[in-house]
N, C-alpha and C. Protein backbone atom coordinates (compact mmCIF):
# COMPACT_ATOMS: atom_id res chain seq x y z
N MET A 1 2.88 -18.42 -1.38
CA MET A 1 3.50 -17.27 -2.04
C MET A 1 3.30 -16.06 -1.18
N LYS A 2 4.36 -15.34 -0.93
CA LYS A 2 4.29 -14.06 -0.19
C LYS A 2 4.48 -12.92 -1.16
N ILE A 3 3.70 -11.87 -0.99
CA ILE A 3 3.75 -10.76 -1.95
C ILE A 3 3.83 -9.42 -1.28
N ILE A 4 4.37 -8.45 -2.03
CA ILE A 4 4.28 -7.02 -1.70
C ILE A 4 3.44 -6.42 -2.84
N TYR A 5 2.43 -5.65 -2.48
CA TYR A 5 1.52 -5.08 -3.50
C TYR A 5 1.45 -3.57 -3.36
N LYS A 6 0.99 -2.95 -4.41
CA LYS A 6 0.74 -1.52 -4.40
C LYS A 6 -0.71 -1.32 -4.78
N ILE A 7 -1.43 -0.56 -3.92
CA ILE A 7 -2.81 -0.18 -4.19
C ILE A 7 -2.78 1.26 -4.68
N THR A 8 -3.46 1.52 -5.80
CA THR A 8 -3.60 2.91 -6.31
C THR A 8 -5.04 3.27 -6.26
N TYR A 9 -5.28 4.40 -5.59
CA TYR A 9 -6.65 4.92 -5.42
C TYR A 9 -6.97 5.89 -6.54
N PRO A 10 -8.23 6.25 -6.72
CA PRO A 10 -8.64 7.13 -7.85
C PRO A 10 -7.94 8.51 -7.80
N ASN A 11 -7.46 8.95 -6.66
CA ASN A 11 -6.73 10.20 -6.58
C ASN A 11 -5.23 10.04 -6.85
N ASN A 12 -4.85 8.85 -7.29
CA ASN A 12 -3.48 8.45 -7.60
C ASN A 12 -2.56 8.35 -6.38
N LYS A 13 -3.11 8.45 -5.18
CA LYS A 13 -2.29 8.15 -4.01
C LYS A 13 -2.18 6.62 -3.89
N ILE A 14 -1.11 6.19 -3.25
CA ILE A 14 -0.81 4.76 -3.23
C ILE A 14 -0.63 4.26 -1.79
N TYR A 15 -0.76 2.95 -1.65
CA TYR A 15 -0.52 2.27 -0.39
C TYR A 15 0.25 1.01 -0.76
N ILE A 16 1.32 0.75 -0.05
CA ILE A 16 2.10 -0.47 -0.28
C ILE A 16 2.00 -1.35 0.98
N GLY A 17 1.72 -2.63 0.74
CA GLY A 17 1.59 -3.56 1.85
C GLY A 17 2.04 -4.94 1.48
N LYS A 18 1.92 -5.82 2.44
CA LYS A 18 2.35 -7.22 2.24
C LYS A 18 1.20 -8.14 2.52
N ASP A 19 1.28 -9.30 1.89
CA ASP A 19 0.30 -10.35 2.12
C ASP A 19 1.09 -11.66 2.17
N LEU A 20 1.10 -12.28 3.31
CA LEU A 20 1.88 -13.52 3.47
C LEU A 20 1.17 -14.75 2.97
N THR A 21 -0.09 -14.58 2.45
CA THR A 21 -0.84 -15.71 1.95
C THR A 21 -1.25 -15.54 0.49
N ASN A 22 -0.99 -14.38 -0.12
CA ASN A 22 -1.34 -14.09 -1.49
C ASN A 22 -2.83 -14.26 -1.77
N SER A 23 -3.64 -13.74 -0.85
CA SER A 23 -5.10 -13.81 -0.98
C SER A 23 -5.54 -12.81 -2.06
N ILE A 24 -6.29 -13.24 -3.02
CA ILE A 24 -6.76 -12.37 -4.11
C ILE A 24 -7.71 -11.33 -3.60
N ASN A 25 -8.30 -11.54 -2.44
CA ASN A 25 -9.31 -10.62 -1.90
C ASN A 25 -8.76 -9.68 -0.84
N TYR A 26 -7.44 -9.64 -0.62
CA TYR A 26 -6.86 -8.78 0.42
C TYR A 26 -6.39 -7.51 -0.22
N PHE A 27 -6.83 -6.38 0.32
CA PHE A 27 -6.48 -5.06 -0.21
C PHE A 27 -5.81 -4.19 0.84
N GLY A 28 -5.20 -4.78 1.84
CA GLY A 28 -4.42 -4.06 2.78
C GLY A 28 -5.15 -3.54 3.98
N SER A 29 -4.37 -2.89 4.80
CA SER A 29 -4.87 -2.38 6.08
C SER A 29 -4.57 -0.91 6.24
N ALA A 30 -4.70 -0.17 5.14
CA ALA A 30 -4.49 1.26 5.17
C ALA A 30 -5.53 1.88 6.08
N ASN A 31 -5.21 3.02 6.68
CA ASN A 31 -6.11 3.72 7.60
C ASN A 31 -7.31 4.32 6.87
N SER A 32 -8.47 3.76 7.07
CA SER A 32 -9.69 4.20 6.40
C SER A 32 -10.01 5.67 6.66
N LYS A 33 -9.84 6.12 7.88
CA LYS A 33 -10.11 7.53 8.23
C LYS A 33 -9.21 8.46 7.46
N LEU A 34 -8.00 8.09 7.25
CA LEU A 34 -7.04 8.89 6.50
C LEU A 34 -7.45 8.97 5.02
N ILE A 35 -7.86 7.87 4.45
CA ILE A 35 -8.24 7.81 3.03
C ILE A 35 -9.55 8.55 2.80
N GLU A 36 -10.54 8.39 3.70
CA GLU A 36 -11.84 9.01 3.45
C GLU A 36 -11.77 10.53 3.47
N LYS A 37 -10.76 11.12 4.07
CA LYS A 37 -10.61 12.57 4.04
C LYS A 37 -10.37 13.10 2.65
N ASP A 38 -9.88 12.24 1.77
CA ASP A 38 -9.55 12.66 0.40
C ASP A 38 -10.70 12.49 -0.60
N PHE A 39 -11.85 11.95 -0.13
CA PHE A 39 -12.95 11.64 -1.04
C PHE A 39 -14.26 12.21 -0.55
N LEU A 40 -14.93 12.97 -1.40
CA LEU A 40 -16.27 13.45 -1.08
C LEU A 40 -17.22 12.25 -1.11
N GLN A 41 -18.35 12.40 -0.47
CA GLN A 41 -19.32 11.32 -0.43
C GLN A 41 -19.75 10.88 -1.84
N GLU A 42 -19.94 11.85 -2.74
CA GLU A 42 -20.34 11.47 -4.09
C GLU A 42 -19.27 10.64 -4.83
N HIS A 43 -17.99 10.83 -4.48
CA HIS A 43 -16.91 10.04 -5.09
C HIS A 43 -16.80 8.64 -4.51
N ARG A 44 -17.42 8.47 -3.34
CA ARG A 44 -17.33 7.18 -2.68
C ARG A 44 -18.36 6.18 -3.17
N LYS A 45 -19.30 6.67 -3.97
CA LYS A 45 -20.39 5.79 -4.46
C LYS A 45 -19.92 4.82 -5.55
N ASP A 46 -18.95 5.23 -6.34
CA ASP A 46 -18.45 4.39 -7.43
C ASP A 46 -17.02 4.73 -7.76
N PHE A 47 -16.10 3.88 -7.39
CA PHE A 47 -14.72 4.10 -7.74
C PHE A 47 -13.98 2.79 -7.91
N THR A 48 -12.83 2.87 -8.54
CA THR A 48 -12.02 1.69 -8.80
C THR A 48 -10.66 1.89 -8.18
N ILE A 49 -10.16 0.82 -7.52
CA ILE A 49 -8.79 0.85 -7.03
C ILE A 49 -8.03 -0.28 -7.80
N ARG A 50 -6.74 -0.10 -7.88
CA ARG A 50 -5.90 -1.07 -8.59
C ARG A 50 -4.90 -1.69 -7.63
N ARG A 51 -4.76 -2.99 -7.70
CA ARG A 51 -3.75 -3.67 -6.90
C ARG A 51 -2.76 -4.32 -7.84
N GLU A 52 -1.51 -3.97 -7.67
CA GLU A 52 -0.41 -4.50 -8.48
C GLU A 52 0.54 -5.26 -7.56
N ILE A 53 1.00 -6.39 -7.98
CA ILE A 53 2.02 -7.12 -7.22
C ILE A 53 3.36 -6.59 -7.68
N LEU A 54 4.10 -6.04 -6.72
CA LEU A 54 5.43 -5.46 -7.01
C LEU A 54 6.55 -6.49 -6.83
N TRP A 55 6.33 -7.45 -5.95
CA TRP A 55 7.32 -8.44 -5.58
C TRP A 55 6.66 -9.67 -5.04
N GLU A 56 7.21 -10.83 -5.31
CA GLU A 56 6.67 -12.08 -4.78
C GLU A 56 7.80 -13.07 -4.53
N SER A 57 7.56 -13.94 -3.57
CA SER A 57 8.56 -14.96 -3.25
C SER A 57 7.89 -16.19 -2.64
N GLU A 58 8.37 -17.31 -3.05
CA GLU A 58 7.92 -18.58 -2.44
C GLU A 58 8.86 -19.02 -1.33
N THR A 59 10.01 -18.37 -1.22
CA THR A 59 11.03 -18.84 -0.27
C THR A 59 11.39 -17.82 0.81
N ALA A 60 11.03 -16.58 0.68
CA ALA A 60 11.39 -15.56 1.69
C ALA A 60 10.72 -15.82 3.00
N ASN A 61 11.45 -15.59 4.09
CA ASN A 61 10.82 -15.69 5.40
C ASN A 61 10.14 -14.35 5.71
N ASP A 62 9.39 -14.33 6.85
CA ASP A 62 8.60 -13.14 7.18
C ASP A 62 9.48 -11.91 7.39
N ILE A 63 10.66 -12.07 7.94
CA ILE A 63 11.58 -10.96 8.17
C ILE A 63 12.02 -10.37 6.84
N GLU A 64 12.36 -11.21 5.88
CA GLU A 64 12.74 -10.73 4.54
C GLU A 64 11.59 -10.00 3.85
N VAL A 65 10.38 -10.49 4.02
CA VAL A 65 9.20 -9.84 3.44
C VAL A 65 9.02 -8.47 4.07
N ASN A 66 9.14 -8.38 5.38
CA ASN A 66 9.02 -7.11 6.11
C ASN A 66 10.08 -6.09 5.61
N GLN A 67 11.31 -6.57 5.45
CA GLN A 67 12.37 -5.71 4.95
C GLN A 67 12.09 -5.19 3.54
N LYS A 68 11.59 -6.09 2.71
CA LYS A 68 11.28 -5.72 1.32
C LYS A 68 10.13 -4.73 1.29
N GLU A 69 9.16 -4.92 2.15
CA GLU A 69 8.03 -3.96 2.22
C GLU A 69 8.54 -2.56 2.56
N VAL A 70 9.36 -2.45 3.57
CA VAL A 70 9.90 -1.12 3.94
C VAL A 70 10.73 -0.53 2.80
N GLU A 71 11.52 -1.35 2.16
CA GLU A 71 12.33 -0.90 1.03
C GLU A 71 11.44 -0.30 -0.07
N LEU A 72 10.34 -0.98 -0.39
CA LEU A 72 9.46 -0.51 -1.46
C LEU A 72 8.65 0.71 -1.03
N ILE A 73 8.27 0.77 0.24
CA ILE A 73 7.57 1.97 0.75
C ILE A 73 8.48 3.18 0.57
N ARG A 74 9.73 3.03 0.91
CA ARG A 74 10.70 4.14 0.74
C ARG A 74 10.96 4.45 -0.74
N GLN A 75 11.10 3.41 -1.53
CA GLN A 75 11.35 3.61 -2.96
C GLN A 75 10.22 4.40 -3.64
N TYR A 76 8.98 3.99 -3.34
CA TYR A 76 7.82 4.64 -3.96
C TYR A 76 7.37 5.87 -3.19
N GLN A 77 7.95 6.12 -2.00
CA GLN A 77 7.61 7.22 -1.13
C GLN A 77 6.14 7.23 -0.75
N SER A 78 5.58 6.05 -0.61
CA SER A 78 4.18 5.99 -0.22
C SER A 78 3.90 6.39 1.22
N ASN A 79 4.97 6.65 1.98
CA ASN A 79 4.83 7.17 3.32
C ASN A 79 4.84 8.69 3.32
N ASN A 80 5.04 9.33 2.18
CA ASN A 80 4.92 10.78 2.02
C ASN A 80 3.44 11.08 1.89
N PRO A 81 2.86 11.85 2.79
CA PRO A 81 1.41 12.11 2.75
C PRO A 81 0.92 12.73 1.44
N GLU A 82 1.77 13.32 0.68
CA GLU A 82 1.38 13.89 -0.62
C GLU A 82 1.32 12.77 -1.69
N ILE A 83 1.92 11.67 -1.45
CA ILE A 83 2.01 10.56 -2.43
C ILE A 83 1.16 9.35 -2.02
N GLY A 84 1.17 9.04 -0.73
CA GLY A 84 0.50 7.81 -0.34
C GLY A 84 -0.03 7.80 1.07
N TYR A 85 -0.52 6.61 1.45
CA TYR A 85 -1.21 6.44 2.71
C TYR A 85 -0.44 5.62 3.74
N ASN A 86 0.77 5.16 3.40
CA ASN A 86 1.55 4.44 4.43
C ASN A 86 1.98 5.44 5.51
N GLN A 87 1.80 5.03 6.74
CA GLN A 87 2.16 5.91 7.88
C GLN A 87 3.44 5.44 8.56
N TRP A 88 3.97 4.32 8.09
CA TRP A 88 5.23 3.78 8.64
C TRP A 88 6.04 3.16 7.50
N PRO A 89 7.33 3.31 7.46
CA PRO A 89 8.13 4.11 8.36
C PRO A 89 7.86 5.61 8.18
N LYS A 90 8.11 6.34 9.23
CA LYS A 90 7.82 7.78 9.22
C LYS A 90 8.57 8.44 8.07
N TYR A 91 7.83 9.31 7.32
CA TYR A 91 8.44 10.02 6.20
C TYR A 91 9.27 11.17 6.72
N ILE A 92 10.48 11.27 6.19
CA ILE A 92 11.40 12.36 6.55
C ILE A 92 11.76 13.09 5.26
N LYS A 93 11.38 14.37 5.20
CA LYS A 93 11.72 15.15 4.03
C LYS A 93 13.24 15.31 3.96
N GLU A 94 13.75 15.15 2.74
CA GLU A 94 15.22 15.32 2.58
C GLU A 94 15.55 16.71 2.12
């Protein structure tokens, strides 16, 4: 099963990513340095993140999964630094 997931951090910023193996323990590859700027040390001691599966497929090939990931990043605007932590595709203000 291939999935596209959304991670929501305690500050309500999001990260959208893909997992081609549907590992229950995978929480993405968002830039840690970028995320840690938003949290004081005291907030890093105990926090909860949420992972939601937005899309899944048993038949999609990797190209289709990549296309769906970009589509959902744009839909949720998780590449907008005010909303999320995705750095690609580059956010362009309209």
